[in-house]
Amino acid sequence: MRPLPAVLVHVCGAEDWRSAQTDGELRPESLTAHGFVHLSTPEQVHLPANRLYAGRTDLVLLRVDPARLSSPIRWEPGVPTDPAAMVFPHLYGPLPVTAVISVTSYEPDGNGRFGPVSP
């Protein structure tokens, strides 16, 4: 089993985060469509962000304490364009608001591209 890093991250729209705070958990479309919530390490978050959200300016970055998650995390491959052998943490259940330890704006650069973040 792969050891969990101290912090995982999830990117979502600010409005989705506001709704999650009311509901007590975040249930992105990927949970219904694929059975999991996309998570990343801070160093790799820019890969799915650029693939899924290029140019968006309404995003927030949720820093998640993996010790506060009760659903299983599985490390699985992303898409073929990701670096070889790179795997991403996928949460097989909703993301509880109580697992989120900080929320910051996640803005693209002048070219509409996102970069890695610090933990």
C-alpha atoms as a PDB file:
ATOM      1  CA  MET A   1       0.000   0.000   0.000  1.00  0.00           C
ATOM      2  CA  ARG A   2       1.299   3.450  -0.931  1.00  0.00           C
ATOM      3  CA  PRO A   3       1.875   5.862   1.995  1.00  0.00           C
ATOM      4  CA  LEU A   4      -0.361   8.915   1.887  1.00  0.00           C
ATOM      5  CA  PRO A   5       1.221  12.358   1.670  1.00  0.00           C
ATOM      6  CA  ALA A   6       0.403  14.891   4.385  1.00  0.00           C
ATOM      7  CA  VAL A   7      -1.821  16.869   2.001  1.00  0.00           C
ATOM      8  CA  LEU A   8      -3.857  16.010  -1.067  1.00  0.00           C
ATOM      9  CA  VAL A   9      -5.657  18.576  -3.210  1.00  0.00           C
ATOM     10  CA  HIS A  10      -8.891  18.843  -5.151  1.00  0.00           C
ATOM     11  CA  VAL A  11      -9.843  21.528  -7.673  1.00  0.00           C
ATOM     12  CA  CYS A  12     -13.436  22.671  -8.013  1.00  0.00           C
ATOM     13  CA  GLY A  13     -15.509  25.710  -8.839  1.00  0.00           C
ATOM     14  CA  ALA A  14     -16.060  28.199  -6.034  1.00  0.00           C
ATOM     15  CA  GLU A  15     -19.825  27.712  -6.316  1.00  0.00           C
ATOM     16  CA  ASP A  16     -19.435  23.930  -5.945  1.00  0.00           C
ATOM     17  CA  TRP A  17     -17.420  24.509  -2.775  1.00  0.00           C
ATOM     18  CA  ARG A  18     -20.093  26.847  -1.364  1.00  0.00           C
ATOM     19  CA  SER A  19     -22.741  24.180  -2.005  1.00  0.00           C
ATOM     20  CA  ALA A  20     -20.587  21.507  -0.382  1.00  0.00           C
ATOM     21  CA  GLN A  21     -20.317  23.564   2.796  1.00  0.00           C
ATOM     22  CA  THR A  22     -24.104  23.564   3.058  1.00  0.00           C
ATOM     23  CA  ASP A  23     -24.354  19.841   2.251  1.00  0.00           C
ATOM     24  CA  GLY A  24     -21.423  18.785   4.440  1.00  0.00           C
ATOM     25  CA  GLU A  25     -19.688  16.990   1.577  1.00  0.00           C
ATOM     26  CA  LEU A  26     -18.549  17.507  -1.985  1.00  0.00           C
ATOM     27  CA  ARG A  27     -20.013  15.160  -4.595  1.00  0.00           C
ATOM     28  CA  PRO A  28     -18.548  16.152  -7.957  1.00  0.00           C
ATOM     29  CA  GLU A  29     -19.906  14.693 -11.177  1.00  0.00           C
ATOM     30  CA  SER A  30     -16.958  12.273 -11.297  1.00  0.00           C
ATOM     31  CA  LEU A  31     -18.336  10.507  -8.210  1.00  0.00           C
ATOM     32  CA  THR A  32     -21.519   9.610 -10.099  1.00  0.00           C
ATOM     33  CA  ALA A  33     -19.865   9.055 -13.476  1.00  0.00           C
ATOM     34  CA  HIS A  34     -16.741   7.155 -12.376  1.00  0.00           C
ATOM     35  CA  GLY A  35     -17.300   6.281  -8.717  1.00  0.00           C
ATOM     36  CA  PHE A  36     -14.569   8.509  -7.316  1.00  0.00           C
ATOM     37  CA  VAL A  37     -13.479  12.064  -6.554  1.00  0.00           C
ATOM     38  CA  HIS A  38     -10.339  13.179  -8.380  1.00  0.00           C
ATOM     39  CA  LEU A  39      -7.553  14.125  -5.989  1.00  0.00           C
ATOM     40  CA  SER A  40      -3.938  15.015  -6.716  1.00  0.00           C
ATOM     41  CA  THR A  41      -0.716  15.731  -4.954  1.00  0.00           C
ATOM     42  CA  PRO A  42       0.184  19.440  -4.936  1.00  0.00           C
ATOM     43  CA  GLU A  43       2.982  18.755  -7.436  1.00  0.00           C
ATOM     44  CA  GLN A  44       0.698  17.121 -10.009  1.00  0.00           C
ATOM     45  CA  VAL A  45      -2.549  19.101  -9.641  1.00  0.00           C
ATOM     46  CA  HIS A  46      -1.777  21.265 -12.666  1.00  0.00           C
ATOM     47  CA  LEU A  47      -2.101  18.268 -15.017  1.00  0.00           C
ATOM     48  CA  PRO A  48      -5.810  17.576 -14.461  1.00  0.00           C
ATOM     49  CA  ALA A  49      -6.492  21.293 -13.898  1.00  0.00           C
ATOM     50  CA  ASN A  50      -5.148  22.168 -17.334  1.00  0.00           C
ATOM     51  CA  ARG A  51      -6.943  19.241 -18.942  1.00  0.00           C
ATOM     52  CA  LEU A  52     -10.321  19.929 -17.318  1.00  0.00           C
ATOM     53  CA  TYR A  53     -10.381  23.635 -16.428  1.00  0.00           C
ATOM     54  CA  ALA A  54      -7.996  25.531 -18.738  1.00  0.00           C
ATOM     55  CA  GLY A  55      -8.635  29.259 -18.568  1.00  0.00           C
ATOM     56  CA  ARG A  56     -11.240  29.172 -15.803  1.00  0.00           C
ATOM     57  CA  THR A  57     -10.886  31.850 -13.158  1.00  0.00           C
ATOM     58  CA  ASP A  58     -13.547  30.699 -10.686  1.00  0.00           C
ATOM     59  CA  LEU A  59     -11.635  27.763  -9.212  1.00  0.00           C
ATOM     60  CA  VAL A  60     -10.593  26.995  -5.665  1.00  0.00           C
ATOM     61  CA  LEU A  61      -7.953  24.599  -4.465  1.00  0.00           C
ATOM     62  CA  LEU A  62      -9.021  22.453  -1.535  1.00  0.00           C
ATOM     63  CA  ARG A  63      -6.173  21.143   0.595  1.00  0.00           C
ATOM     64  CA  VAL A  64      -7.302  17.867   2.127  1.00  0.00           C
ATOM     65  CA  ASP A  65      -5.972  16.008   5.162  1.00  0.00           C
ATOM     66  CA  PRO A  66      -6.060  12.354   4.045  1.00  0.00           C
ATOM     67  CA  ALA A  67      -6.235  11.215   7.691  1.00  0.00           C
ATOM     68  CA  ARG A  68      -9.708  12.794   7.889  1.00  0.00           C
ATOM     69  CA  LEU A  69     -11.099  10.724   5.006  1.00  0.00           C
ATOM     70  CA  SER A  70     -13.170   7.644   5.739  1.00  0.00           C
ATOM     71  CA  SER A  71     -13.648   6.394   2.168  1.00  0.00           C
ATOM     72  CA  PRO A  72     -10.829   4.457   0.494  1.00  0.00           C
ATOM     73  CA  ILE A  73      -8.168   6.123  -1.646  1.00  0.00           C
ATOM     74  CA  ARG A  74      -6.738   4.222  -4.595  1.00  0.00           C
ATOM     75  CA  TRP A  75      -3.707   5.348  -6.596  1.00  0.00           C
ATOM     76  CA  GLU A  76      -4.579   4.914 -10.249  1.00  0.00           C
ATOM     77  CA  PRO A  77      -3.265   6.037 -13.642  1.00  0.00           C
ATOM     78  CA  GLY A  78      -4.533   9.269 -15.118  1.00  0.00           C
ATOM     79  CA  VAL A  79      -4.731   9.630 -18.885  1.00  0.00           C
ATOM     80  CA  PRO A  80      -2.191   8.554 -21.523  1.00  0.00           C
ATOM     81  CA  THR A  81      -0.827  12.113 -21.891  1.00  0.00           C
ATOM     82  CA  ASP A  82       0.255  12.189 -18.214  1.00  0.00           C
ATOM     83  CA  PRO A  83       3.906  11.350 -17.500  1.00  0.00           C
ATOM     84  CA  ALA A  84       4.663   7.628 -17.690  1.00  0.00           C
ATOM     85  CA  ALA A  85       3.892   5.666 -14.532  1.00  0.00           C
ATOM     86  CA  MET A  86       2.217   8.668 -12.837  1.00  0.00           C
ATOM     87  CA  VAL A  87      -0.691   7.715 -10.614  1.00  0.00           C
ATOM     88  CA  PHE A  88      -3.305   9.913  -8.962  1.00  0.00           C
ATOM     89  CA  PRO A  89      -5.179   9.458  -5.686  1.00  0.00           C
ATOM     90  CA  HIS A  90      -8.879   8.770  -6.250  1.00  0.00           C
ATOM     91  CA  LEU A  91     -11.293   8.992  -3.321  1.00  0.00           C
ATOM     92  CA  TYR A  92     -14.008   6.330  -3.573  1.00  0.00           C
ATOM     93  CA  GLY A  93     -16.700   8.274  -1.759  1.00  0.00           C
ATOM     94  CA  PRO A  94     -17.739  11.879  -1.233  1.00  0.00           C
ATOM     95  CA  LEU A  95     -15.236  14.428   0.045  1.00  0.00           C
ATOM     96  CA  PRO A  96     -16.315  15.510   3.539  1.00  0.00           C
ATOM     97  CA  VAL A  97     -16.038  19.234   4.216  1.00  0.00           C
ATOM     98  CA  THR A  98     -14.384  18.363   7.558  1.00  0.00           C
ATOM     99  CA  ALA A  99     -11.391  16.870   5.683  1.00  0.00           C
ATOM    100  CA  VAL A 100     -10.614  20.196   3.976  1.00  0.00           C
ATOM    101  CA  ILE A 101      -7.929  22.067   5.931  1.00  0.00           C
ATOM    102  CA  SER A 102      -7.598  25.124   3.678  1.00  0.00           C
ATOM    103  CA  VAL A 103      -9.179  26.706   0.621  1.00  0.00           C
ATOM    104  CA  THR A 104      -7.406  29.093  -1.723  1.00  0.00           C
ATOM    105  CA  SER A 105      -8.135  30.595  -5.095  1.00  0.00           C
ATOM    106  CA  TYR A 106      -6.502  28.675  -7.963  1.00  0.00           C
ATOM    107  CA  GLU A 107      -5.825  31.117 -10.770  1.00  0.00           C
ATOM    108  CA  PRO A 108      -4.300  30.383 -14.174  1.00  0.00           C
ATOM    109  CA  ASP A 109      -1.330  32.356 -15.466  1.00  0.00           C
ATOM    110  CA  GLY A 110      -1.570  34.917 -18.267  1.00  0.00           C
ATOM    111  CA  ASN A 111      -1.796  32.087 -20.817  1.00  0.00           C
ATOM    112  CA  GLY A 112      -4.715  30.422 -19.029  1.00  0.00           C
ATOM    113  CA  ARG A 113      -2.508  27.583 -17.691  1.00  0.00           C
ATOM    114  CA  PHE A 114      -2.273  26.266 -14.137  1.00  0.00           C
ATOM    115  CA  GLY A 115       0.919  25.324 -12.335  1.00  0.00           C
ATOM    116  CA  PRO A 116       1.876  23.019  -9.452  1.00  0.00           C
ATOM    117  CA  VAL A 117       1.248  24.330  -5.957  1.00  0.00           C
ATOM    118  CA  SER A 118       2.985  24.067  -2.613  1.00  0.00           C
ATOM    119  CA  PRO A 119       1.527  21.756   0.026  1.00  0.00           C
END
